[in-house]
């Protein structure tokens, strides 16, 4: 339950960052966002173990 909340916040932050960075191509933003989400998930998993 906690991880889904954290992921929701992370997604919100990524969307906000994407809007601020609006000048870069959408596909590039999406791939960067996916990588950031993966990194964040790995961080969360590492901190829980």
N, C-alpha and C. Protein backbone atom coordinates (compact mmCIF):
# COMPACT_ATOMS: atom_id res chain seq x y z
N UNK A 1 0.84 -1.21 0.00
CA UNK A 1 0.00 0.00 0.00
C UNK A 1 0.88 1.25 0.00
N UNK A 2 1.93 1.21 0.83
CA UNK A 2 2.80 2.38 0.93
C UNK A 2 3.52 2.65 -0.39
N UNK A 3 3.98 1.57 -1.04
CA UNK A 3 4.73 1.76 -2.28
C UNK A 3 3.87 2.40 -3.36
N UNK A 4 2.60 2.03 -3.44
CA UNK A 4 1.74 2.62 -4.47
C UNK A 4 1.57 4.12 -4.24
N UNK A 5 1.51 4.52 -2.98
CA UNK A 5 1.41 5.95 -2.66
C UNK A 5 2.68 6.67 -3.09
N UNK A 6 3.83 6.06 -2.77
CA UNK A 6 5.12 6.66 -3.14
C UNK A 6 5.23 6.75 -4.65
N UNK A 7 4.81 5.69 -5.36
CA UNK A 7 4.87 5.71 -6.82
C UNK A 7 3.97 6.79 -7.38
N UNK A 8 2.81 6.97 -6.78
CA UNK A 8 1.90 8.03 -7.23
C UNK A 8 2.55 9.38 -7.09
N UNK A 9 3.21 9.61 -5.97
CA UNK A 9 3.91 10.89 -5.76
C UNK A 9 5.04 11.04 -6.77
N UNK A 10 5.78 9.95 -7.01
CA UNK A 10 6.89 9.99 -7.97
C UNK A 10 6.36 10.33 -9.36
N UNK A 11 5.25 9.70 -9.75
CA UNK A 11 4.66 9.99 -11.06
C UNK A 11 4.23 11.44 -11.16
N UNK A 12 3.62 11.95 -10.10
CA UNK A 12 3.21 13.36 -10.09
C UNK A 12 4.40 14.28 -10.27
N UNK A 13 5.49 13.96 -9.57
CA UNK A 13 6.70 14.77 -9.67
C UNK A 13 7.27 14.70 -11.09
N UNK A 14 7.25 13.51 -11.68
CA UNK A 14 7.78 13.34 -13.04
C UNK A 14 6.94 14.12 -14.04
N UNK A 15 5.62 14.07 -13.88
CA UNK A 15 4.75 14.82 -14.79
C UNK A 15 5.01 16.31 -14.65
N UNK A 16 5.17 16.77 -13.41
CA UNK A 16 5.48 18.18 -13.18
C UNK A 16 6.79 18.56 -13.84
N UNK A 17 7.80 17.71 -13.68
CA UNK A 17 9.11 17.98 -14.28
C UNK A 17 8.99 17.98 -15.80
N UNK A 18 8.17 17.07 -16.34
CA UNK A 18 7.99 16.99 -17.79
C UNK A 18 7.35 18.27 -18.31
N UNK A 19 6.38 18.80 -17.56
CA UNK A 19 5.73 20.04 -17.99
C UNK A 19 6.71 21.21 -17.96
N UNK A 20 7.58 21.23 -16.95
CA UNK A 20 8.57 22.31 -16.86
C UNK A 20 9.56 22.21 -18.01
N UNK A 21 9.92 20.96 -18.35
CA UNK A 21 10.89 20.72 -19.42
C UNK A 21 10.21 20.69 -20.79
N UNK A 22 9.01 21.21 -20.89
CA UNK A 22 8.17 21.08 -22.08
C UNK A 22 8.85 21.23 -23.43
N UNK A 23 10.07 21.76 -23.48
CA UNK A 23 10.71 21.98 -24.78
C UNK A 23 11.32 20.72 -25.37
N UNK A 24 11.52 19.65 -24.57
CA UNK A 24 12.11 18.44 -25.12
C UNK A 24 11.03 17.54 -25.73
N UNK A 25 11.41 16.69 -26.68
CA UNK A 25 10.42 15.82 -27.34
C UNK A 25 9.72 14.89 -26.35
N UNK A 26 8.46 14.61 -26.62
CA UNK A 26 7.66 13.82 -25.69
C UNK A 26 8.24 12.43 -25.49
N UNK A 27 8.65 11.77 -26.57
CA UNK A 27 9.16 10.40 -26.44
C UNK A 27 10.41 10.37 -25.57
N UNK A 28 11.24 11.39 -25.69
CA UNK A 28 12.45 11.47 -24.86
C UNK A 28 12.06 11.64 -23.39
N UNK A 29 11.07 12.49 -23.14
CA UNK A 29 10.61 12.72 -21.77
C UNK A 29 10.05 11.42 -21.18
N UNK A 30 9.30 10.69 -22.00
CA UNK A 30 8.69 9.45 -21.51
C UNK A 30 9.76 8.44 -21.14
N UNK A 31 10.78 8.29 -22.00
CA UNK A 31 11.83 7.32 -21.69
C UNK A 31 12.62 7.75 -20.47
N UNK A 32 12.88 9.05 -20.34
CA UNK A 32 13.57 9.55 -19.13
C UNK A 32 12.71 9.29 -17.91
N UNK A 33 11.42 9.54 -18.02
CA UNK A 33 10.51 9.32 -16.91
C UNK A 33 10.47 7.87 -16.48
N UNK A 34 10.42 6.96 -17.47
CA UNK A 34 10.41 5.54 -17.15
C UNK A 34 11.68 5.15 -16.41
N UNK A 35 12.81 5.67 -16.86
CA UNK A 35 14.09 5.37 -16.21
C UNK A 35 14.10 5.90 -14.78
N UNK A 36 13.58 7.11 -14.59
CA UNK A 36 13.53 7.69 -13.24
C UNK A 36 12.63 6.85 -12.34
N UNK A 37 11.51 6.37 -12.88
CA UNK A 37 10.60 5.54 -12.09
C UNK A 37 11.29 4.24 -11.70
N UNK A 38 12.00 3.61 -12.66
CA UNK A 38 12.73 2.38 -12.35
C UNK A 38 13.76 2.63 -11.26
N UNK A 39 14.49 3.72 -11.39
CA UNK A 39 15.50 4.06 -10.37
C UNK A 39 14.84 4.24 -9.01
N UNK A 40 13.70 4.94 -8.99
CA UNK A 40 13.01 5.21 -7.73
C UNK A 40 12.50 3.90 -7.12
N UNK A 41 11.97 3.00 -7.95
CA UNK A 41 11.49 1.71 -7.45
C UNK A 41 12.66 0.93 -6.85
N UNK A 42 13.80 0.94 -7.54
CA UNK A 42 14.98 0.24 -7.02
C UNK A 42 15.41 0.83 -5.69
N UNK A 43 15.39 2.15 -5.57
CA UNK A 43 15.75 2.81 -4.31
C UNK A 43 14.80 2.38 -3.19
N UNK A 44 13.50 2.37 -3.49
CA UNK A 44 12.50 2.01 -2.48
C UNK A 44 12.71 0.56 -2.05
N UNK A 45 12.90 -0.33 -3.02
CA UNK A 45 13.11 -1.74 -2.69
C UNK A 45 14.36 -1.91 -1.85
N UNK A 46 15.43 -1.22 -2.20
CA UNK A 46 16.69 -1.32 -1.45
C UNK A 46 16.50 -0.84 -0.02
N UNK A 47 15.75 0.24 0.16
CA UNK A 47 15.57 0.79 1.51
C UNK A 47 14.67 -0.09 2.36
N UNK A 48 13.79 -0.86 1.74
CA UNK A 48 12.89 -1.73 2.51
C UNK A 48 13.58 -3.02 2.92
N UNK A 49 14.58 -3.46 2.18
CA UNK A 49 15.28 -4.72 2.49
C UNK A 49 16.27 -4.55 3.61
